[in-house]
Structure formats: C-alpha cells, structure tokens
Amino acid sequence: MEGKHQMKAEKSDTIEIKWPWTMIPIENADELIKYLKRRIRSGHPLYGKKVYPSCRREDTADIIIQFDNDDDGTYAIVNFSKSKTISGKKMPQVEILKTRSALKLRFQKDHEESLS
C-alpha cells in the first residue's frame, strides 16, 4: 500500500504507519524541535525534555514526539492548532501515550477512521 511506513525499535516490534500519518523527514527535525521549544514553557508536560519529532498527521496539526533516552516507549502527540492554558499561558495541546502498544493502536484507529 502506498504511503505505508514503518517505525522500528531496538527491543520491540515494528509499528506500521499508515495514512493519515507519515514519517517526518530527518532534515525537518531540527526546525520542528526549535519550533516546539519556542511554544513550550514551564508547566507543560514536554518542558525541558529532549524530544524528537518522528511522524506527522497529514489531515491535522498533530505531530508524534519521541522522548530521547526514554526506554519505556513513551510518546506524545502534540497538536499545534489546539492550545491549552497552562500556568496562565497558551501552549500546544499534548496527549501522552505511555507505551508502544498504545501508539500502535492509535495509528490503527486513526487509519481506520480516516478511511470511513
């Protein structure tokens, strides 16, 4: 199927990435990290964390963020078009996925919903 990608982990199974999600080209990662750091301030769950953007959703402003040096498979979905007030400041909405299994299920659910 066109548009399918795979995300591999050293100690875990492969996650298949299907539309509406797609991998972020590595050459865009630094720019996205800088943008994220400008938007995230104290009080936000991603504040001060080393992160790496790995996937983006093509039909929304969602980006999957991987945590650097995180062995437990925690991921975050950051939506730059939706904001939440934290400590009196508007910052991007974030959803934390605590396992690779949760990420895998999210990719599958989003793909099925996008087809209907």
N, C-alpha and C. Protein backbone atom coordinates (compact mmCIF):
# COMPACT_ATOMS: atom_id res chain seq x y z
N MET A 1 0.84 -1.18 0.00
CA MET A 1 0.00 0.00 0.00
C MET A 1 0.89 1.24 0.00
N GLU A 2 0.60 2.16 -0.86
CA GLU A 2 1.37 3.39 -0.94
C GLU A 2 1.16 4.22 0.32
N GLY A 3 2.23 4.88 0.75
CA GLY A 3 2.10 5.74 1.92
C GLY A 3 2.32 5.02 3.24
N LYS A 4 2.65 3.73 3.20
CA LYS A 4 2.91 3.00 4.44
C LYS A 4 4.37 3.19 4.83
N HIS A 5 4.61 3.33 6.10
CA HIS A 5 5.95 3.47 6.63
C HIS A 5 6.06 2.56 7.84
N GLN A 6 7.29 2.32 8.25
CA GLN A 6 7.48 1.52 9.45
C GLN A 6 8.41 2.25 10.40
N MET A 7 8.12 2.14 11.68
CA MET A 7 8.94 2.73 12.71
C MET A 7 9.47 1.56 13.55
N LYS A 8 10.79 1.43 13.62
CA LYS A 8 11.39 0.30 14.32
C LYS A 8 11.96 0.70 15.67
N ALA A 9 11.91 -0.22 16.57
CA ALA A 9 12.52 -0.04 17.89
C ALA A 9 13.55 -1.14 18.08
N GLU A 10 14.56 -0.86 18.85
CA GLU A 10 15.60 -1.85 19.06
C GLU A 10 15.09 -3.09 19.77
N LYS A 11 14.24 -2.90 20.77
CA LYS A 11 13.81 -4.02 21.60
C LYS A 11 12.35 -4.39 21.40
N SER A 12 11.70 -3.80 20.42
CA SER A 12 10.27 -4.03 20.29
C SER A 12 9.91 -4.34 18.85
N ASP A 13 8.66 -4.65 18.64
CA ASP A 13 8.20 -4.97 17.31
C ASP A 13 8.07 -3.71 16.45
N THR A 14 7.92 -3.92 15.17
CA THR A 14 7.78 -2.82 14.23
C THR A 14 6.37 -2.27 14.26
N ILE A 15 6.27 -0.94 14.20
CA ILE A 15 4.96 -0.29 14.13
C ILE A 15 4.75 0.16 12.69
N GLU A 16 3.63 -0.21 12.13
CA GLU A 16 3.30 0.19 10.77
C GLU A 16 2.57 1.53 10.81
N ILE A 17 3.08 2.47 10.03
CA ILE A 17 2.49 3.80 9.98
C ILE A 17 1.73 3.94 8.67
N LYS A 18 0.43 4.17 8.77
CA LYS A 18 -0.42 4.30 7.60
C LYS A 18 -1.09 5.67 7.60
N TRP A 19 -1.53 6.10 6.42
CA TRP A 19 -2.24 7.36 6.28
C TRP A 19 -3.38 7.39 7.30
N PRO A 20 -3.59 8.47 7.97
CA PRO A 20 -3.17 9.84 7.71
C PRO A 20 -1.82 10.23 8.32
N TRP A 21 -1.10 9.28 8.92
CA TRP A 21 0.21 9.57 9.49
C TRP A 21 1.31 9.32 8.47
N THR A 22 2.40 10.05 8.57
CA THR A 22 3.56 9.85 7.71
C THR A 22 4.82 10.24 8.49
N MET A 23 5.94 9.67 8.09
CA MET A 23 7.21 9.98 8.77
C MET A 23 7.63 11.42 8.44
N ILE A 24 8.27 12.05 9.39
CA ILE A 24 8.83 13.39 9.19
C ILE A 24 10.25 13.22 8.66
N PRO A 25 10.57 13.87 7.54
CA PRO A 25 11.94 13.77 7.02
C PRO A 25 12.95 14.27 8.05
N ILE A 26 14.04 13.56 8.18
CA ILE A 26 15.05 13.90 9.19
C ILE A 26 15.57 15.32 9.03
N GLU A 27 15.60 15.82 7.80
CA GLU A 27 16.10 17.18 7.59
C GLU A 27 15.16 18.24 8.16
N ASN A 28 13.93 17.89 8.49
CA ASN A 28 12.98 18.83 9.09
C ASN A 28 12.95 18.76 10.62
N ALA A 29 13.61 17.78 11.19
CA ALA A 29 13.53 17.54 12.63
C ALA A 29 14.05 18.71 13.46
N ASP A 30 15.21 19.25 13.11
CA ASP A 30 15.78 20.34 13.91
C ASP A 30 14.87 21.56 13.93
N GLU A 31 14.29 21.88 12.78
CA GLU A 31 13.37 23.03 12.70
C GLU A 31 12.15 22.82 13.59
N LEU A 32 11.61 21.61 13.58
CA LEU A 32 10.44 21.31 14.41
C LEU A 32 10.79 21.33 15.90
N ILE A 33 11.97 20.87 16.26
CA ILE A 33 12.39 20.89 17.66
C ILE A 33 12.51 22.33 18.14
N LYS A 34 13.10 23.20 17.33
CA LYS A 34 13.22 24.61 17.68
C LYS A 34 11.84 25.25 17.84
N TYR A 35 10.93 24.94 16.91
CA TYR A 35 9.57 25.48 16.97
C TYR A 35 8.88 25.00 18.25
N LEU A 36 9.02 23.73 18.57
CA LEU A 36 8.41 23.18 19.78
C LEU A 36 8.95 23.87 21.03
N LYS A 37 10.26 24.07 21.09
CA LYS A 37 10.86 24.72 22.26
C LYS A 37 10.36 26.15 22.44
N ARG A 38 10.09 26.84 21.34
CA ARG A 38 9.55 28.20 21.44
C ARG A 38 8.13 28.21 21.97
N ARG A 39 7.36 27.18 21.70
CA ARG A 39 5.95 27.13 22.08
C ARG A 39 5.72 26.52 23.47
N ILE A 40 6.67 25.71 23.96
CA ILE A 40 6.52 25.01 25.23
C ILE A 40 7.23 25.79 26.33
N ARG A 41 6.50 26.03 27.41
CA ARG A 41 7.09 26.76 28.55
C ARG A 41 6.88 25.96 29.83
N SER A 42 7.39 26.47 30.90
CA SER A 42 7.29 25.82 32.20
C SER A 42 5.83 25.44 32.50
N GLY A 43 5.64 24.22 32.99
CA GLY A 43 4.31 23.74 33.33
C GLY A 43 3.76 22.77 32.30
N HIS A 44 4.30 22.79 31.08
CA HIS A 44 3.85 21.88 30.01
C HIS A 44 4.54 20.53 30.19
N PRO A 45 3.85 19.42 29.90
CA PRO A 45 4.46 18.08 30.10
C PRO A 45 5.75 17.86 29.30
N LEU A 46 5.97 18.60 28.22
CA LEU A 46 7.18 18.41 27.42
C LEU A 46 8.30 19.38 27.77
N TYR A 47 8.02 20.30 28.67
CA TYR A 47 9.01 21.33 29.02
C TYR A 47 10.29 20.70 29.57
N GLY A 48 11.43 21.07 28.98
CA GLY A 48 12.72 20.60 29.44
C GLY A 48 13.10 19.20 29.01
N LYS A 49 12.24 18.53 28.26
CA LYS A 49 12.52 17.16 27.81
C LYS A 49 13.27 17.21 26.48
N LYS A 50 14.14 16.25 26.27
CA LYS A 50 14.78 16.08 24.97
C LYS A 50 13.81 15.24 24.14
N VAL A 51 13.42 15.78 23.01
CA VAL A 51 12.41 15.11 22.19
C VAL A 51 12.87 15.06 20.73
N TYR A 52 12.22 14.19 19.99
CA TYR A 52 12.48 14.05 18.57
C TYR A 52 11.15 13.86 17.84
N PRO A 53 10.84 14.71 16.86
CA PRO A 53 9.60 14.54 16.10
C PRO A 53 9.78 13.41 15.09
N SER A 54 8.88 12.45 15.08
CA SER A 54 9.04 11.31 14.18
C SER A 54 7.96 11.20 13.13
N CYS A 55 6.73 11.57 13.44
CA CYS A 55 5.62 11.43 12.49
C CYS A 55 4.72 12.66 12.56
N ARG A 56 4.03 12.91 11.46
CA ARG A 56 3.04 13.98 11.46
C ARG A 56 1.77 13.43 10.82
N ARG A 57 0.68 14.00 11.27
CA ARG A 57 -0.61 13.61 10.71
C ARG A 57 -0.95 14.58 9.59
N GLU A 58 -1.27 14.06 8.42
CA GLU A 58 -1.46 14.90 7.23
C GLU A 58 -2.76 15.67 7.22
N ASP A 59 -3.75 15.27 8.01
CA ASP A 59 -5.05 15.94 7.97
C ASP A 59 -5.31 16.81 9.21
N THR A 60 -4.34 16.92 10.10
CA THR A 60 -4.45 17.78 11.28
C THR A 60 -3.07 18.40 11.54
N ALA A 61 -2.94 19.07 12.64
CA ALA A 61 -1.64 19.65 13.01
C ALA A 61 -0.95 18.79 14.07
N ASP A 62 -1.25 17.49 14.12
CA ASP A 62 -0.67 16.59 15.11
C ASP A 62 0.72 16.12 14.69
N ILE A 63 1.61 16.05 15.67
CA ILE A 63 2.95 15.53 15.45
C ILE A 63 3.25 14.54 16.57
N ILE A 64 3.80 13.38 16.21
CA ILE A 64 4.24 12.39 17.20
C ILE A 64 5.64 12.79 17.65
N ILE A 65 5.82 12.86 18.94
CA ILE A 65 7.11 13.20 19.54
C ILE A 65 7.62 11.99 20.30
N GLN A 66 8.86 11.61 20.02
CA GLN A 66 9.52 10.57 20.79
C GLN A 66 10.41 11.25 21.82
N PHE A 67 10.49 10.65 23.00
CA PHE A 67 11.36 11.19 24.04
C PHE A 67 12.73 10.56 23.89
N ASP A 68 13.77 11.40 23.81
CA ASP A 68 15.14 10.88 23.76
C ASP A 68 15.49 10.23 25.08
N ASN A 69 16.29 9.20 25.03
CA ASN A 69 16.76 8.49 26.23
C ASN A 69 15.61 8.00 27.10
N ASP A 70 14.55 7.53 26.46
CA ASP A 70 13.39 7.03 27.20
C ASP A 70 13.18 5.57 26.81
N ASP A 71 13.46 4.66 27.72
CA ASP A 71 13.38 3.24 27.42
C ASP A 71 11.99 2.64 27.58
N ASP A 72 11.04 3.40 28.13
CA ASP A 72 9.74 2.80 28.40
C ASP A 72 8.74 2.96 27.26
N GLY A 73 9.14 3.55 26.14
CA GLY A 73 8.25 3.66 24.99
C GLY A 73 7.22 4.76 25.10
N THR A 74 7.51 5.81 25.83
CA THR A 74 6.58 6.92 25.97
C THR A 74 6.65 7.82 24.74
N TYR A 75 5.48 8.21 24.26
CA TYR A 75 5.36 9.11 23.12
C TYR A 75 4.37 10.21 23.47
N ALA A 76 4.43 11.29 22.72
CA ALA A 76 3.47 12.37 22.90
C ALA A 76 2.92 12.74 21.53
N ILE A 77 1.65 13.08 21.49
CA ILE A 77 1.04 13.64 20.29
C ILE A 77 0.78 15.10 20.61
N VAL A 78 1.44 15.98 19.87
CA VAL A 78 1.32 17.41 20.08
C VAL A 78 0.48 17.98 18.95
N ASN A 79 -0.56 18.74 19.32
CA ASN A 79 -1.41 19.37 18.31
C ASN A 79 -1.16 20.88 18.39
N PHE A 80 -0.51 21.41 17.36
CA PHE A 80 -0.14 22.82 17.35
C PHE A 80 -1.31 23.73 17.01
N SER A 81 -2.40 23.18 16.48
CA SER A 81 -3.55 24.03 16.16
C SER A 81 -4.51 24.17 17.33
N LYS A 82 -4.35 23.30 18.33
CA LYS A 82 -5.18 23.39 19.54
C LYS A 82 -4.29 23.76 20.70
N SER A 83 -4.78 24.66 21.54
CA SER A 83 -3.95 25.06 22.67
C SER A 83 -4.70 24.83 23.98
N LYS A 84 -3.92 24.80 25.02
CA LYS A 84 -4.44 24.62 26.36
C LYS A 84 -3.74 25.65 27.24
N THR A 85 -4.46 26.22 28.16
CA THR A 85 -3.85 27.20 29.07
C THR A 85 -3.20 26.46 30.23
N ILE A 86 -1.89 26.67 30.35
CA ILE A 86 -1.12 26.05 31.42
C ILE A 86 -0.33 27.16 32.09
N SER A 87 -0.46 27.27 33.38
CA SER A 87 0.23 28.33 34.15
C SER A 87 -0.06 29.71 33.56
N GLY A 88 -1.29 29.91 33.08
CA GLY A 88 -1.69 31.21 32.55
C GLY A 88 -1.21 31.50 31.14
N LYS A 89 -0.57 30.52 30.47
CA LYS A 89 -0.06 30.73 29.11
C LYS A 89 -0.66 29.69 28.18
N LYS A 90 -0.95 30.11 26.94
CA LYS A 90 -1.47 29.16 25.94
C LYS A 90 -0.31 28.38 25.33
N MET A 91 -0.44 27.06 25.37
CA MET A 91 0.58 26.17 24.82
C MET A 91 -0.10 25.05 24.05
N PRO A 92 0.64 24.40 23.14
CA PRO A 92 0.03 23.33 22.34
C PRO A 92 -0.54 22.21 23.21
N GLN A 93 -1.67 21.69 22.76
CA GLN A 93 -2.30 20.57 23.45
C GLN A 93 -1.43 19.33 23.26
N VAL A 94 -1.31 18.52 24.29
CA VAL A 94 -0.49 17.31 24.21
C VAL A 94 -1.26 16.13 24.78
N GLU A 95 -1.06 14.99 24.16
CA GLU A 95 -1.62 13.72 24.63
C GLU A 95 -0.44 12.78 24.81
N ILE A 96 -0.27 12.20 25.99
CA ILE A 96 0.84 11.30 26.28
C ILE A 96 0.37 9.86 26.06
N LEU A 97 1.15 9.11 25.30
CA LEU A 97 0.92 7.68 25.10
C LEU A 97 2.05 6.97 25.83
N LYS A 98 1.69 6.15 26.80
CA LYS A 98 2.70 5.60 27.71
C LYS A 98 3.37 4.32 27.25
N THR A 99 2.89 3.74 26.16
CA THR A 99 3.51 2.51 25.65
C THR A 99 3.52 2.50 24.13
N ARG A 100 4.42 1.68 23.58
CA ARG A 100 4.43 1.48 22.12
C ARG A 100 3.13 0.85 21.65
N SER A 101 2.55 -0.01 22.49
CA SER A 101 1.28 -0.64 22.14
C SER A 101 0.18 0.41 21.97
N ALA A 102 0.17 1.40 22.85
CA ALA A 102 -0.83 2.48 22.74
C ALA A 102 -0.62 3.27 21.46
N LEU A 103 0.64 3.51 21.10
CA LEU A 103 0.93 4.22 19.85
C LEU A 103 0.48 3.39 18.65
N LYS A 104 0.76 2.11 18.69
CA LYS A 104 0.36 1.21 17.61
C LYS A 104 -1.17 1.22 17.43
N LEU A 105 -1.90 1.14 18.54
CA LEU A 105 -3.36 1.18 18.48
C LEU A 105 -3.86 2.52 17.95
N ARG A 106 -3.20 3.61 18.34
CA ARG A 106 -3.60 4.93 17.86
C ARG A 106 -3.44 5.05 16.34
N PHE A 107 -2.30 4.57 15.83
CA PHE A 107 -2.09 4.58 14.38
C PHE A 107 -3.18 3.79 13.67
N GLN A 108 -3.50 2.61 14.18
CA GLN A 108 -4.51 1.76 13.56
C GLN A 108 -5.88 2.43 13.60
N LYS A 109 -6.25 2.98 14.75
CA LYS A 109 -7.56 3.64 14.92
C LYS A 109 -7.68 4.83 13.97
N ASP A 110 -6.64 5.67 13.93
CA ASP A 110 -6.68 6.84 13.05
C ASP A 110 -6.78 6.43 11.59
N HIS A 111 -6.09 5.36 11.21
CA HIS A 111 -6.15 4.89 9.83
C HIS A 111 -7.56 4.41 9.48
N GLU A 112 -8.15 3.62 10.35
CA GLU A 112 -9.49 3.09 10.11
C GLU A 112 -10.51 4.23 10.03
N GLU A 113 -10.39 5.21 10.96
CA GLU A 113 -11.32 6.35 10.94
C GLU A 113 -11.14 7.20 9.68
N SER A 114 -9.94 7.35 9.19
CA SER A 114 -9.69 8.16 8.00
C SER A 114 -10.25 7.51 6.74
N LEU A 115 -10.41 6.20 6.76
CA LEU A 115 -10.97 5.51 5.60
C LEU A 115 -12.50 5.57 5.56
N SER A 116 -13.11 5.86 6.71
CA SER A 116 -14.59 5.87 6.73
C SER A 116 -15.17 7.23 6.47
